[in-house]
Amino acid sequence: MEFYCVPKFKKDISKLIKKHRSTRSDVSDIKNIFETIGIPNYAIPYPGVSDNKCRKIKMICKDMGAGKSKGFRLIFRDLDKQIIFIHIYLHNQYSKEIDVVNEVKERLNYSENDLAPF
């Protein structure tokens, strides 16, 4: 399985690593899950986006501890043998879900040349 990301995703990761040092290993754990068992059942279709290949999952942040309202939200696109990471953010980062939807819609307007291996 190949992993790519849109340009803004790398900026998201950099900001999160400054706040939570475990971010790099947390994302690495998710990549390992994708490679070994595929897309987990708890990856739900992302609401508000017409693309049915866009999915959202909740990720545990080891630095923050466990809990439903803690951790990251990861939005990605599932294209057969490719996973394209679109957006990652803290659960409490946005006050309204519509703000996240608008950000994701903007990021989905990428070209193949914009993608970077991740």
PDB file of N, CA and C in Angstrom:
ATOM      1  N   MET A   1       0.840  -1.168   0.000  1.00  0.00           N
ATOM      2  CA  MET A   1       0.000   0.000   0.000  1.00  0.00           C
ATOM      3  C   MET A   1       0.891   1.238   0.000  1.00  0.00           C
ATOM      4  N   GLU A   2       0.507   2.219  -0.790  1.00  0.00           N
ATOM      5  CA  GLU A   2       1.280   3.454  -0.900  1.00  0.00           C
ATOM      6  C   GLU A   2       0.571   4.572  -0.146  1.00  0.00           C
ATOM      7  N   PHE A   3       1.355   5.426   0.498  1.00  0.00           N
ATOM      8  CA  PHE A   3       0.802   6.530   1.272  1.00  0.00           C
ATOM      9  C   PHE A   3       1.286   7.848   0.690  1.00  0.00           C
ATOM     10  N   TYR A   4       0.342   8.751   0.482  1.00  0.00           N
ATOM     11  CA  TYR A   4       0.636  10.086  -0.018  1.00  0.00           C
ATOM     12  C   TYR A   4      -0.098  11.094   0.855  1.00  0.00           C
ATOM     13  N   CYS A   5       0.286  12.346   0.714  1.00  0.00           N
ATOM     14  CA  CYS A   5      -0.429  13.391   1.447  1.00  0.00           C
ATOM     15  C   CYS A   5      -0.478  14.659   0.609  1.00  0.00           C
ATOM     16  N   VAL A   6      -1.478  15.469   0.888  1.00  0.00           N
ATOM     17  CA  VAL A   6      -1.568  16.776   0.256  1.00  0.00           C
ATOM     18  C   VAL A   6      -0.584  17.700   0.983  1.00  0.00           C
ATOM     19  N   PRO A   7      -0.151  18.788   0.335  1.00  0.00           N
ATOM     20  CA  PRO A   7       0.876  19.649   0.943  1.00  0.00           C
ATOM     21  C   PRO A   7       0.521  20.177   2.340  1.00  0.00           C
ATOM     22  N   LYS A   8      -0.717  20.558   2.566  1.00  0.00           N
ATOM     23  CA  LYS A   8      -1.087  21.123   3.867  1.00  0.00           C
ATOM     24  C   LYS A   8      -1.050  20.079   4.983  1.00  0.00           C
ATOM     25  N   PHE A   9      -1.130  18.810   4.636  1.00  0.00           N
ATOM     26  CA  PHE A   9      -1.105  17.757   5.650  1.00  0.00           C
ATOM     27  C   PHE A   9       0.230  17.746   6.386  1.00  0.00           C
ATOM     28  N   LYS A  10       1.318  17.958   5.665  1.00  0.00           N
ATOM     29  CA  LYS A  10       2.638  17.984   6.314  1.00  0.00           C
ATOM     30  C   LYS A  10       2.743  19.141   7.304  1.00  0.00           C
ATOM     31  N   LYS A  11       2.112  20.262   6.977  1.00  0.00           N
ATOM     32  CA  LYS A  11       2.092  21.393   7.911  1.00  0.00           C
ATOM     33  C   LYS A  11       1.284  21.042   9.152  1.00  0.00           C
ATOM     34  N   ASP A  12       0.169  20.336   8.946  1.00  0.00           N
ATOM     35  CA  ASP A  12      -0.646  19.889  10.088  1.00  0.00           C
ATOM     36  C   ASP A  12       0.184  19.022  11.030  1.00  0.00           C
ATOM     37  N   ILE A  13       0.904  18.071  10.451  1.00  0.00           N
ATOM     38  CA  ILE A  13       1.718  17.147  11.247  1.00  0.00           C
ATOM     39  C   ILE A  13       2.794  17.913  12.015  1.00  0.00           C
ATOM     40  N   SER A  14       3.450  18.851  11.348  1.00  0.00           N
ATOM     41  CA  SER A  14       4.513  19.626  12.005  1.00  0.00           C
ATOM     42  C   SER A  14       3.978  20.386  13.216  1.00  0.00           C
ATOM     43  N   LYS A  15       2.809  21.000  13.069  1.00  0.00           N
ATOM     44  CA  LYS A  15       2.213  21.736  14.188  1.00  0.00           C
ATOM     45  C   LYS A  15       1.858  20.799  15.335  1.00  0.00           C
ATOM     46  N   LEU A  16       1.310  19.643  15.001  1.00  0.00           N
ATOM     47  CA  LEU A  16       0.903  18.697  16.045  1.00  0.00           C
ATOM     48  C   LEU A  16       2.105  18.099  16.771  1.00  0.00           C
ATOM     49  N   ILE A  17       3.203  17.870  16.046  1.00  0.00           N
ATOM     50  CA  ILE A  17       4.408  17.311  16.673  1.00  0.00           C
ATOM     51  C   ILE A  17       4.965  18.284  17.712  1.00  0.00           C
ATOM     52  N   LYS A  18       4.858  19.580  17.450  1.00  0.00           N
ATOM     53  CA  LYS A  18       5.337  20.568  18.416  1.00  0.00           C
ATOM     54  C   LYS A  18       4.551  20.496  19.722  1.00  0.00           C
ATOM     55  N   LYS A  19       3.251  20.204  19.626  1.00  0.00           N
ATOM     56  CA  LYS A  19       2.412  20.124  20.827  1.00  0.00           C
ATOM     57  C   LYS A  19       2.453  18.745  21.467  1.00  0.00           C
ATOM     58  N   HIS A  20       2.446  17.709  20.640  1.00  0.00           N
ATOM     59  CA  HIS A  20       2.355  16.327  21.120  1.00  0.00           C
ATOM     60  C   HIS A  20       3.429  15.493  20.425  1.00  0.00           C
ATOM     61  N   ARG A  21       4.461  15.151  21.148  1.00  0.00           N
ATOM     62  CA  ARG A  21       5.611  14.455  20.572  1.00  0.00           C
ATOM     63  C   ARG A  21       5.280  13.072  20.025  1.00  0.00           C
ATOM     64  N   SER A  22       4.216  12.473  20.500  1.00  0.00           N
ATOM     65  CA  SER A  22       3.878  11.119  20.048  1.00  0.00           C
ATOM     66  C   SER A  22       3.191  11.107  18.681  1.00  0.00           C
ATOM     67  N   THR A  23       2.927  12.272  18.104  1.00  0.00           N
ATOM     68  CA  THR A  23       2.179  12.343  16.847  1.00  0.00           C
ATOM     69  C   THR A  23       2.813  11.496  15.755  1.00  0.00           C
ATOM     70  N   ARG A  24       4.119  11.575  15.624  1.00  0.00           N
ATOM     71  CA  ARG A  24       4.806  10.825  14.565  1.00  0.00           C
ATOM     72  C   ARG A  24       4.567   9.320  14.720  1.00  0.00           C
ATOM     73  N   SER A  25       4.710   8.806  15.923  1.00  0.00           N
ATOM     74  CA  SER A  25       4.501   7.368  16.128  1.00  0.00           C
ATOM     75  C   SER A  25       3.019   7.005  16.054  1.00  0.00           C
ATOM     76  N   ASP A  26       2.135   7.923  16.434  1.00  0.00           N
ATOM     77  CA  ASP A  26       0.695   7.670  16.331  1.00  0.00           C
ATOM     78  C   ASP A  26       0.285   7.483  14.871  1.00  0.00           C
ATOM     79  N   VAL A  27       0.787   8.347  14.006  1.00  0.00           N
ATOM     80  CA  VAL A  27       0.479   8.234  12.575  1.00  0.00           C
ATOM     81  C   VAL A  27       1.137   6.988  11.994  1.00  0.00           C
ATOM     82  N   SER A  28       2.336   6.677  12.441  1.00  0.00           N
ATOM     83  CA  SER A  28       3.012   5.458  11.988  1.00  0.00           C
ATOM     84  C   SER A  28       2.208   4.216  12.373  1.00  0.00           C
ATOM     85  N   ASP A  29       1.613   4.224  13.559  1.00  0.00           N
ATOM     86  CA  ASP A  29       0.768   3.102  13.988  1.00  0.00           C
ATOM     87  C   ASP A  29      -0.433   2.930  13.064  1.00  0.00           C
ATOM     88  N   ILE A  30      -1.051   4.042  12.680  1.00  0.00           N
ATOM     89  CA  ILE A  30      -2.205   3.966  11.773  1.00  0.00           C
ATOM     90  C   ILE A  30      -1.780   3.423  10.417  1.00  0.00           C
ATOM     91  N   LYS A  31      -0.619   3.872   9.931  1.00  0.00           N
ATOM     92  CA  LYS A  31      -0.128   3.347   8.650  1.00  0.00           C
ATOM     93  C   LYS A  31       0.091   1.838   8.733  1.00  0.00           C
ATOM     94  N   ASN A  32       0.629   1.364   9.847  1.00  0.00           N
ATOM     95  CA  ASN A  32       0.835  -0.077  10.031  1.00  0.00           C
ATOM     96  C   ASN A  32      -0.488  -0.829  10.036  1.00  0.00           C
ATOM     97  N   ILE A  33      -1.505  -0.261  10.664  1.00  0.00           N
ATOM     98  CA  ILE A  33      -2.832  -0.889  10.661  1.00  0.00           C
ATOM     99  C   ILE A  33      -3.365  -0.974   9.241  1.00  0.00           C
ATOM    100  N   PHE A  34      -3.240   0.112   8.486  1.00  0.00           N
ATOM    101  CA  PHE A  34      -3.712   0.110   7.100  1.00  0.00           C
ATOM    102  C   PHE A  34      -3.003  -0.968   6.282  1.00  0.00           C
ATOM    103  N   GLU A  35      -1.694  -1.123   6.502  1.00  0.00           N
ATOM    104  CA  GLU A  35      -0.923  -2.101   5.728  1.00  0.00           C
ATOM    105  C   GLU A  35      -1.239  -3.537   6.117  1.00  0.00           C
ATOM    106  N   THR A  36      -1.508  -3.789   7.387  1.00  0.00           N
ATOM    107  CA  THR A  36      -1.710  -5.171   7.837  1.00  0.00           C
ATOM    108  C   THR A  36      -3.149  -5.644   7.701  1.00  0.00           C
ATOM    109  N   ILE A  37      -4.113  -4.846   8.175  1.00  0.00           N
ATOM    110  CA  ILE A  37      -5.503  -5.315   8.111  1.00  0.00           C
ATOM    111  C   ILE A  37      -6.367  -4.536   7.137  1.00  0.00           C
ATOM    112  N   GLY A  38      -5.826  -3.498   6.541  1.00  0.00           N
ATOM    113  CA  GLY A  38      -6.617  -2.680   5.625  1.00  0.00           C
ATOM    114  C   GLY A  38      -7.324  -1.561   6.377  1.00  0.00           C
ATOM    115  N   ILE A  39      -8.328  -1.003   5.730  1.00  0.00           N
ATOM    116  CA  ILE A  39      -9.077   0.096   6.332  1.00  0.00           C
ATOM    117  C   ILE A  39      -9.963  -0.467   7.443  1.00  0.00           C
ATOM    118  N   PRO A  40      -9.839   0.046   8.664  1.00  0.00           N
ATOM    119  CA  PRO A  40     -10.647  -0.490   9.767  1.00  0.00           C
ATOM    120  C   PRO A  40     -12.140  -0.193   9.594  1.00  0.00           C
ATOM    121  N   ASN A  41     -12.966  -1.003  10.233  1.00  0.00           N
ATOM    122  CA  ASN A  41     -14.420  -0.833  10.143  1.00  0.00           C
ATOM    123  C   ASN A  41     -14.893   0.488  10.729  1.00  0.00           C
ATOM    124  N   TYR A  42     -14.137   1.026  11.667  1.00  0.00           N
ATOM    125  CA  TYR A  42     -14.559   2.272  12.300  1.00  0.00           C
ATOM    126  C   TYR A  42     -14.209   3.510  11.474  1.00  0.00           C
ATOM    127  N   ALA A  43     -13.647   3.328  10.287  1.00  0.00           N
ATOM    128  CA  ALA A  43     -13.404   4.448   9.378  1.00  0.00           C
ATOM    129  C   ALA A  43     -14.711   4.746   8.659  1.00  0.00           C
ATOM    130  N   ILE A  44     -15.350   5.838   9.041  1.00  0.00           N
ATOM    131  CA  ILE A  44     -16.670   6.148   8.497  1.00  0.00           C
ATOM    132  C   ILE A  44     -16.540   7.043   7.268  1.00  0.00           C
ATOM    133  N   PRO A  45     -17.486   6.953   6.328  1.00  0.00           N
ATOM    134  CA  PRO A  45     -17.483   7.898   5.206  1.00  0.00           C
ATOM    135  C   PRO A  45     -17.589   9.317   5.751  1.00  0.00           C
ATOM    136  N   TYR A  46     -16.802  10.207   5.191  1.00  0.00           N
ATOM    137  CA  TYR A  46     -16.780  11.567   5.716  1.00  0.00           C
ATOM    138  C   TYR A  46     -18.019  12.326   5.268  1.00  0.00           C
ATOM    139  N   PRO A  47     -18.814  12.850   6.210  1.00  0.00           N
ATOM    140  CA  PRO A  47     -20.042  13.571   5.845  1.00  0.00           C
ATOM    141  C   PRO A  47     -19.721  14.938   5.248  1.00  0.00           C
ATOM    142  N   GLY A  48     -20.565  15.378   4.347  1.00  0.00           N
ATOM    143  CA  GLY A  48     -20.407  16.703   3.765  1.00  0.00           C
ATOM    144  C   GLY A  48     -19.565  16.732   2.508  1.00  0.00           C
ATOM    145  N   VAL A  49     -18.972  15.605   2.153  1.00  0.00           N
ATOM    146  CA  VAL A  49     -18.148  15.523   0.951  1.00  0.00           C
ATOM    147  C   VAL A  49     -18.777  14.477   0.040  1.00  0.00           C
ATOM    148  N   SER A  50     -18.999  14.832  -1.210  1.00  0.00           N
ATOM    149  CA  SER A  50     -19.699  13.920  -2.121  1.00  0.00           C
ATOM    150  C   SER A  50     -18.849  12.712  -2.508  1.00  0.00           C
ATOM    151  N   ASP A  51     -17.552  12.796  -2.298  1.00  0.00           N
ATOM    152  CA  ASP A  51     -16.646  11.697  -2.635  1.00  0.00           C
ATOM    153  C   ASP A  51     -16.811  10.573  -1.614  1.00  0.00           C
ATOM    154  N   ASN A  52     -17.319   9.422  -2.041  1.00  0.00           N
ATOM    155  CA  ASN A  52     -17.548   8.330  -1.091  1.00  0.00           C
ATOM    156  C   ASN A  52     -16.265   7.589  -0.723  1.00  0.00           C
ATOM    157  N   LYS A  53     -15.133   7.980  -1.265  1.00  0.00           N
ATOM    158  CA  LYS A  53     -13.861   7.360  -0.908  1.00  0.00           C
ATOM    159  C   LYS A  53     -13.159   8.126   0.215  1.00  0.00           C
ATOM    160  N   CYS A  54     -13.726   9.238   0.610  1.00  0.00           N
ATOM    161  CA  CYS A  54     -13.167  10.058   1.680  1.00  0.00           C
ATOM    162  C   CYS A  54     -13.683   9.521   3.013  1.00  0.00           C
ATOM    163  N   ARG A  55     -12.764   9.233   3.942  1.00  0.00           N
ATOM    164  CA  ARG A  55     -13.133   8.615   5.217  1.00  0.00           C
ATOM    165  C   ARG A  55     -12.512   9.375   6.391  1.00  0.00           C
ATOM    166  N   LYS A  56     -13.108   9.147   7.559  1.00  0.00           N
ATOM    167  CA  LYS A  56     -12.651   9.816   8.781  1.00  0.00           C
ATOM    168  C   LYS A  56     -12.515   8.768   9.879  1.00  0.00           C
ATOM    169  N   ILE A  57     -11.414   8.851  10.628  1.00  0.00           N
ATOM    170  CA  ILE A  57     -11.244   7.968  11.784  1.00  0.00           C
ATOM    171  C   ILE A  57     -10.776   8.782  12.985  1.00  0.00           C
ATOM    172  N   LYS A  58     -11.047   8.239  14.152  1.00  0.00           N
ATOM    173  CA  LYS A  58     -10.525   8.805  15.393  1.00  0.00           C
ATOM    174  C   LYS A  58      -9.233   8.080  15.711  1.00  0.00           C
ATOM    175  N   MET A  59      -8.222   8.845  16.083  1.00  0.00           N
ATOM    176  CA  MET A  59      -6.919   8.283  16.432  1.00  0.00           C
ATOM    177  C   MET A  59      -6.598   8.603  17.881  1.00  0.00           C
ATOM    178  N   ILE A  60      -5.948   7.688  18.532  1.00  0.00           N
ATOM    179  CA  ILE A  60      -5.483   7.927  19.895  1.00  0.00           C
ATOM    180  C   ILE A  60      -4.174   8.702  19.839  1.00  0.00           C
ATOM    181  N   CYS A  61      -4.072   9.694  20.690  1.00  0.00           N
ATOM    182  CA  CYS A  61      -2.812  10.407  20.887  1.00  0.00           C
ATOM    183  C   CYS A  61      -2.238   9.908  22.205  1.00  0.00           C
ATOM    184  N   LYS A  62      -1.103   9.241  22.141  1.00  0.00           N
ATOM    185  CA  LYS A  62      -0.511   8.653  23.347  1.00  0.00           C
ATOM    186  C   LYS A  62      -0.191   9.708  24.403  1.00  0.00           C
ATOM    187  N   ASP A  63       0.129  10.919  23.968  1.00  0.00           N
ATOM    188  CA  ASP A  63       0.442  11.992  24.908  1.00  0.00           C
ATOM    189  C   ASP A  63      -0.784  12.500  25.663  1.00  0.00           C
ATOM    190  N   MET A  64      -1.954  12.359  25.072  1.00  0.00           N
ATOM    191  CA  MET A  64      -3.174  12.908  25.667  1.00  0.00           C
ATOM    192  C   MET A  64      -3.928  11.900  26.522  1.00  0.00           C
ATOM    193  N   GLY A  65      -3.609  10.643  26.399  1.00  0.00           N
ATOM    194  CA  GLY A  65      -4.346   9.630  27.143  1.00  0.00           C
ATOM    195  C   GLY A  65      -5.576   9.175  26.380  1.00  0.00           C
ATOM    196  N   ALA A  66      -6.352   8.309  27.007  1.00  0.00           N
ATOM    197  CA  ALA A  66      -7.522   7.737  26.350  1.00  0.00           C
ATOM    198  C   ALA A  66      -8.755   8.583  26.626  1.00  0.00           C
ATOM    199  N   GLY A  67      -9.761   8.364  25.825  1.00  0.00           N
ATOM    200  CA  GLY A  67     -11.025   9.062  26.014  1.00  0.00           C
ATOM    201  C   GLY A  67     -11.667   9.386  24.690  1.00  0.00           C
ATOM    202  N   LYS A  68     -12.978   9.435  24.701  1.00  0.00           N
ATOM    203  CA  LYS A  68     -13.725   9.655  23.470  1.00  0.00           C
ATOM    204  C   LYS A  68     -13.443  11.027  22.856  1.00  0.00           C
ATOM    205  N   SER A  69     -13.317  12.030  23.688  1.00  0.00           N
ATOM    206  CA  SER A  69     -13.163  13.385  23.165  1.00  0.00           C
ATOM    207  C   SER A  69     -11.709  13.826  23.084  1.00  0.00           C
ATOM    208  N   LYS A  70     -10.790  12.899  23.225  1.00  0.00           N
ATOM    209  CA  LYS A  70      -9.370  13.229  23.111  1.00  0.00           C
ATOM    210  C   LYS A  70      -8.822  12.599  21.843  1.00  0.00           C
ATOM    211  N   GLY A  71      -7.670  13.054  21.447  1.00  0.00           N
ATOM    212  CA  GLY A  71      -7.009  12.462  20.300  1.00  0.00           C
ATOM    213  C   GLY A  71      -7.220  13.249  19.024  1.00  0.00           C
ATOM    214  N   PHE A  72      -6.832  12.622  17.927  1.00  0.00           N
ATOM    215  CA  PHE A  72      -6.865  13.243  16.611  1.00  0.00           C
ATOM    216  C   PHE A  72      -8.053  12.748  15.809  1.00  0.00           C
ATOM    217  N   ARG A  73      -8.359  13.513  14.780  1.00  0.00           N
ATOM    218  CA  ARG A  73      -9.272  13.063  13.744  1.00  0.00           C
ATOM    219  C   ARG A  73      -8.448  13.070  12.464  1.00  0.00           C
ATOM    220  N   LEU A  74      -8.485  11.961  11.744  1.00  0.00           N
ATOM    221  CA  LEU A  74      -7.716  11.814  10.510  1.00  0.00           C
ATOM    222  C   LEU A  74      -8.688  11.628   9.362  1.00  0.00           C
ATOM    223  N   ILE A  75      -8.556  12.473   8.348  1.00  0.00           N
ATOM    224  CA  ILE A  75      -9.391  12.368   7.156  1.00  0.00           C
ATOM    225  C   ILE A  75      -8.480  11.964   6.013  1.00  0.00           C
ATOM    226  N   PHE A  76      -8.875  10.918   5.312  1.00  0.00           N
ATOM    227  CA  PHE A  76      -8.054  10.388   4.235  1.00  0.00           C
ATOM    228  C   PHE A  76      -8.932   9.916   3.093  1.00  0.00           C
ATOM    229  N   ARG A  77      -8.290   9.672   1.968  1.00  0.00           N
ATOM    230  CA  ARG A  77      -8.966   9.161   0.782  1.00  0.00           C
ATOM    231  C   ARG A  77      -8.442   7.765   0.501  1.00  0.00           C
ATOM    232  N   ASP A  78      -9.347   6.833   0.304  1.00  0.00           N
ATOM    233  CA  ASP A  78      -9.003   5.435   0.071  1.00  0.00           C
ATOM    234  C   ASP A  78      -9.157   5.132  -1.416  1.00  0.00           C
ATOM    235  N   LEU A  79      -8.031   5.026  -2.114  1.00  0.00           N
ATOM    236  CA  LEU A  79      -8.042   4.731  -3.551  1.00  0.00           C
ATOM    237  C   LEU A  79      -7.333   3.405  -3.791  1.00  0.00           C
ATOM    238  N   ASP A  80      -8.079   2.312  -3.796  1.00  0.00           N
ATOM    239  CA  ASP A  80      -7.556   0.961  -4.018  1.00  0.00           C
ATOM    240  C   ASP A  80      -6.265   0.705  -3.237  1.00  0.00           C
ATOM    241  N   LYS A  81      -5.113   0.844  -3.864  1.00  0.00           N
ATOM    242  CA  LYS A  81      -3.826   0.560  -3.211  1.00  0.00           C
ATOM    243  C   LYS A  81      -3.132   1.822  -2.710  1.00  0.00           C
ATOM    244  N   GLN A  82      -3.837   2.945  -2.738  1.00  0.00           N
ATOM    245  CA  GLN A  82      -3.259   4.207  -2.282  1.00  0.00           C
ATOM    246  C   GLN A  82      -4.112   4.809  -1.170  1.00  0.00           C
ATOM    247  N   ILE A  83      -3.447   5.366  -0.192  1.00  0.00           N
ATOM    248  CA  ILE A  83      -4.104   6.148   0.854  1.00  0.00           C
ATOM    249  C   ILE A  83      -3.547   7.562   0.741  1.00  0.00           C
ATOM    250  N   ILE A  84      -4.438   8.530   0.618  1.00  0.00           N
ATOM    251  CA  ILE A  84      -4.021   9.924   0.537  1.00  0.00           C
ATOM    252  C   ILE A  84      -4.519  10.633   1.791  1.00  0.00           C
ATOM    253  N   PHE A  85      -3.581  11.083   2.609  1.00  0.00           N
ATOM    254  CA  PHE A  85      -3.930  11.788   3.831  1.00  0.00           C
ATOM    255  C   PHE A  85      -4.308  13.227   3.483  1.00  0.00           C
ATOM    256  N   ILE A  86      -5.493  13.631   3.922  1.00  0.00           N
ATOM    257  CA  ILE A  86      -6.031  14.943   3.584  1.00  0.00           C
ATOM    258  C   ILE A  86      -5.879  15.936   4.739  1.00  0.00           C
ATOM    259  N   HIS A  87      -6.299  15.523   5.929  1.00  0.00           N
ATOM    260  CA  HIS A  87      -6.310  16.456   7.063  1.00  0.00           C
ATOM    261  C   HIS A  87      -6.196  15.679   8.372  1.00  0.00           C
ATOM    262  N   ILE A  88      -5.474  16.243   9.322  1.00  0.00           N
ATOM    263  CA  ILE A  88      -5.403  15.698  10.676  1.00  0.00           C
ATOM    264  C   ILE A  88      -5.523  16.881  11.630  1.00  0.00           C
ATOM    265  N   TYR A  89      -6.355  16.702  12.646  1.00  0.00           N
ATOM    266  CA  TYR A  89      -6.568  17.800  13.584  1.00  0.00           C
ATOM    267  C   TYR A  89      -6.963  17.251  14.948  1.00  0.00           C
ATOM    268  N   LEU A  90      -6.773  18.071  15.962  1.00  0.00           N
ATOM    269  CA  LEU A  90      -7.193  17.708  17.312  1.00  0.00           C
ATOM    270  C   LEU A  90      -8.707  17.787  17.405  1.00  0.00           C
ATOM    271  N   HIS A  91      -9.269  16.944  18.243  1.00  0.00           N
ATOM    272  CA  HIS A  91     -10.722  16.880  18.367  1.00  0.00           C
ATOM    273  C   HIS A  91     -11.339  18.240  18.671  1.00  0.00           C
ATOM    274  N   ASN A  92     -10.720  19.009  19.537  1.00  0.00           N
ATOM    275  CA  ASN A  92     -11.293  20.292  19.950  1.00  0.00           C
ATOM    276  C   ASN A  92     -10.760  21.485  19.156  1.00  0.00           C
ATOM    277  N   GLN A  93     -10.119  21.251  18.041  1.00  0.00           N
ATOM    278  CA  GLN A  93      -9.494  22.326  17.271  1.00  0.00           C
ATOM    279  C   GLN A  93     -10.522  23.218  16.572  1.00  0.00           C
ATOM    280  N   TYR A  94     -11.613  22.641  16.108  1.00  0.00           N
ATOM    281  CA  TYR A  94     -12.648  23.391  15.403  1.00  0.00           C
ATOM    282  C   TYR A  94     -13.901  23.452  16.266  1.00  0.00           C
ATOM    283  N   SER A  95     -14.535  24.616  16.279  1.00  0.00           N
ATOM    284  CA  SER A  95     -15.760  24.738  17.069  1.00  0.00           C
ATOM    285  C   SER A  95     -16.977  24.239  16.293  1.00  0.00           C
ATOM    286  N   LYS A  96     -16.913  24.289  14.959  1.00  0.00           N
ATOM    287  CA  LYS A  96     -18.037  23.836  14.135  1.00  0.00           C
ATOM    288  C   LYS A  96     -17.541  22.832  13.098  1.00  0.00           C
ATOM    289  N   GLU A  97     -18.325  21.802  12.889  1.00  0.00           N
ATOM    290  CA  GLU A  97     -17.966  20.767  11.909  1.00  0.00           C
ATOM    291  C   GLU A  97     -17.923  21.332  10.490  1.00  0.00           C
ATOM    292  N   ILE A  98     -18.734  22.352  10.210  1.00  0.00           N
ATOM    293  CA  ILE A  98     -18.762  22.933   8.864  1.00  0.00           C
ATOM    294  C   ILE A  98     -17.405  23.537   8.502  1.00  0.00           C
ATOM    295  N   ASP A  99     -16.670  24.035   9.495  1.00  0.00           N
ATOM    296  CA  ASP A  99     -15.335  24.578   9.236  1.00  0.00           C
ATOM    297  C   ASP A  99     -14.388  23.478   8.756  1.00  0.00           C
ATOM    298  N   VAL A 100     -14.512  22.308   9.344  1.00  0.00           N
ATOM    299  CA  VAL A 100     -13.686  21.169   8.928  1.00  0.00           C
ATOM    300  C   VAL A 100     -14.078  20.733   7.521  1.00  0.00           C
ATOM    301  N   VAL A 101     -15.382  20.664   7.261  1.00  0.00           N
ATOM    302  CA  VAL A 101     -15.873  20.247   5.940  1.00  0.00           C
ATOM    303  C   VAL A 101     -15.342  21.183   4.868  1.00  0.00           C
ATOM    304  N   ASN A 102     -15.387  22.483   5.115  1.00  0.00           N
ATOM    305  CA  ASN A 102     -14.886  23.454   4.137  1.00  0.00           C
ATOM    306  C   ASN A 102     -13.391  23.287   3.905  1.00  0.00           C
ATOM    307  N   GLU A 103     -12.651  23.048   4.968  1.00  0.00           N
ATOM    308  CA  GLU A 103     -11.202  22.833   4.840  1.00  0.00           C
ATOM    309  C   GLU A 103     -10.916  21.583   4.016  1.00  0.00           C
ATOM    310  N   VAL A 104     -11.653  20.518   4.269  1.00  0.00           N
ATOM    311  CA  VAL A 104     -11.452  19.264   3.536  1.00  0.00           C
ATOM    312  C   VAL A 104     -11.803  19.445   2.065  1.00  0.00           C
ATOM    313  N   LYS A 105     -12.901  20.116   1.779  1.00  0.00           N
ATOM    314  CA  LYS A 105     -13.294  20.352   0.381  1.00  0.00           C
ATOM    315  C   LYS A 105     -12.212  21.123  -0.364  1.00  0.00           C
ATOM    316  N   GLU A 106     -11.629  22.107   0.317  1.00  0.00           N
ATOM    317  CA  GLU A 106     -10.550  22.886  -0.301  1.00  0.00           C
ATOM    318  C   GLU A 106      -9.337  21.997  -0.595  1.00  0.00           C
ATOM    319  N   ARG A 107      -9.000  21.129   0.334  1.00  0.00           N
ATOM    320  CA  ARG A 107      -7.830  20.267   0.176  1.00  0.00           C
ATOM    321  C   ARG A 107      -8.046  19.159  -0.849  1.00  0.00           C
ATOM    322  N   LEU A 108      -9.293  18.803  -1.116  1.00  0.00           N
ATOM    323  CA  LEU A 108      -9.571  17.755  -2.105  1.00  0.00           C
ATOM    324  C   LEU A 108      -9.347  18.228  -3.536  1.00  0.00           C
ATOM    325  N   ASN A 109      -9.122  19.507  -3.726  1.00  0.00           N
ATOM    326  CA  ASN A 109      -8.842  20.049  -5.058  1.00  0.00           C
ATOM    327  C   ASN A 109      -7.348  19.995  -5.360  1.00  0.00           C
ATOM    328  N   TYR A 110      -6.770  18.833  -5.234  1.00  0.00           N
ATOM    329  CA  TYR A 110      -5.343  18.669  -5.488  1.00  0.00           C
ATOM    330  C   TYR A 110      -5.148  18.009  -6.851  1.00  0.00           C
ATOM    331  N   SER A 111      -3.954  18.183  -7.388  1.00  0.00           N
ATOM    332  CA  SER A 111      -3.596  17.463  -8.608  1.00  0.00           C
ATOM    333  C   SER A 111      -2.600  16.366  -8.226  1.00  0.00           C
ATOM    334  N   GLU A 112      -2.388  15.434  -9.112  1.00  0.00           N
ATOM    335  CA  GLU A 112      -1.459  14.332  -8.837  1.00  0.00           C
ATOM    336  C   GLU A 112      -0.047  14.850  -8.555  1.00  0.00           C
ATOM    337  N   ASN A 113       0.322  15.965  -9.174  1.00  0.00           N
ATOM    338  CA  ASN A 113       1.661  16.533  -8.976  1.00  0.00           C
ATOM    339  C   ASN A 113       1.837  17.130  -7.582  1.00  0.00           C
ATOM    340  N   ASP A 114       0.723  17.482  -6.931  1.00  0.00           N
ATOM    341  CA  ASP A 114       0.791  18.079  -5.595  1.00  0.00           C
ATOM    342  C   ASP A 114       1.084  17.052  -4.510  1.00  0.00           C
ATOM    343  N   LEU A 115       0.793  15.795  -4.775  1.00  0.00           N
ATOM    344  CA  LEU A 115       0.926  14.758  -3.755  1.00  0.00           C
ATOM    345  C   LEU A 115       2.391  14.455  -3.455  1.00  0.00           C
ATOM    346  N   ALA A 116       2.660  14.248  -2.174  1.00  0.00           N
ATOM    347  CA  ALA A 116       4.012  13.886  -1.740  1.00  0.00           C
ATOM    348  C   ALA A 116       3.949  12.537  -1.032  1.00  0.00           C
ATOM    349  N   PRO A 117       4.962  11.697  -1.215  1.00  0.00           N
ATOM    350  CA  PRO A 117       4.989  10.423  -0.471  1.00  0.00           C
ATOM    351  C   PRO A 117       5.019  10.703   1.026  1.00  0.00           C
ATOM    352  N   PHE A 118       4.389   9.834   1.784  1.00  0.00           N
ATOM    353  CA  PHE A 118       4.340  10.048   3.229  1.00  0.00           C
ATOM    354  C   PHE A 118       4.697   8.769   3.947  1.00  0.00           C
TER     355      PHE A 118
END
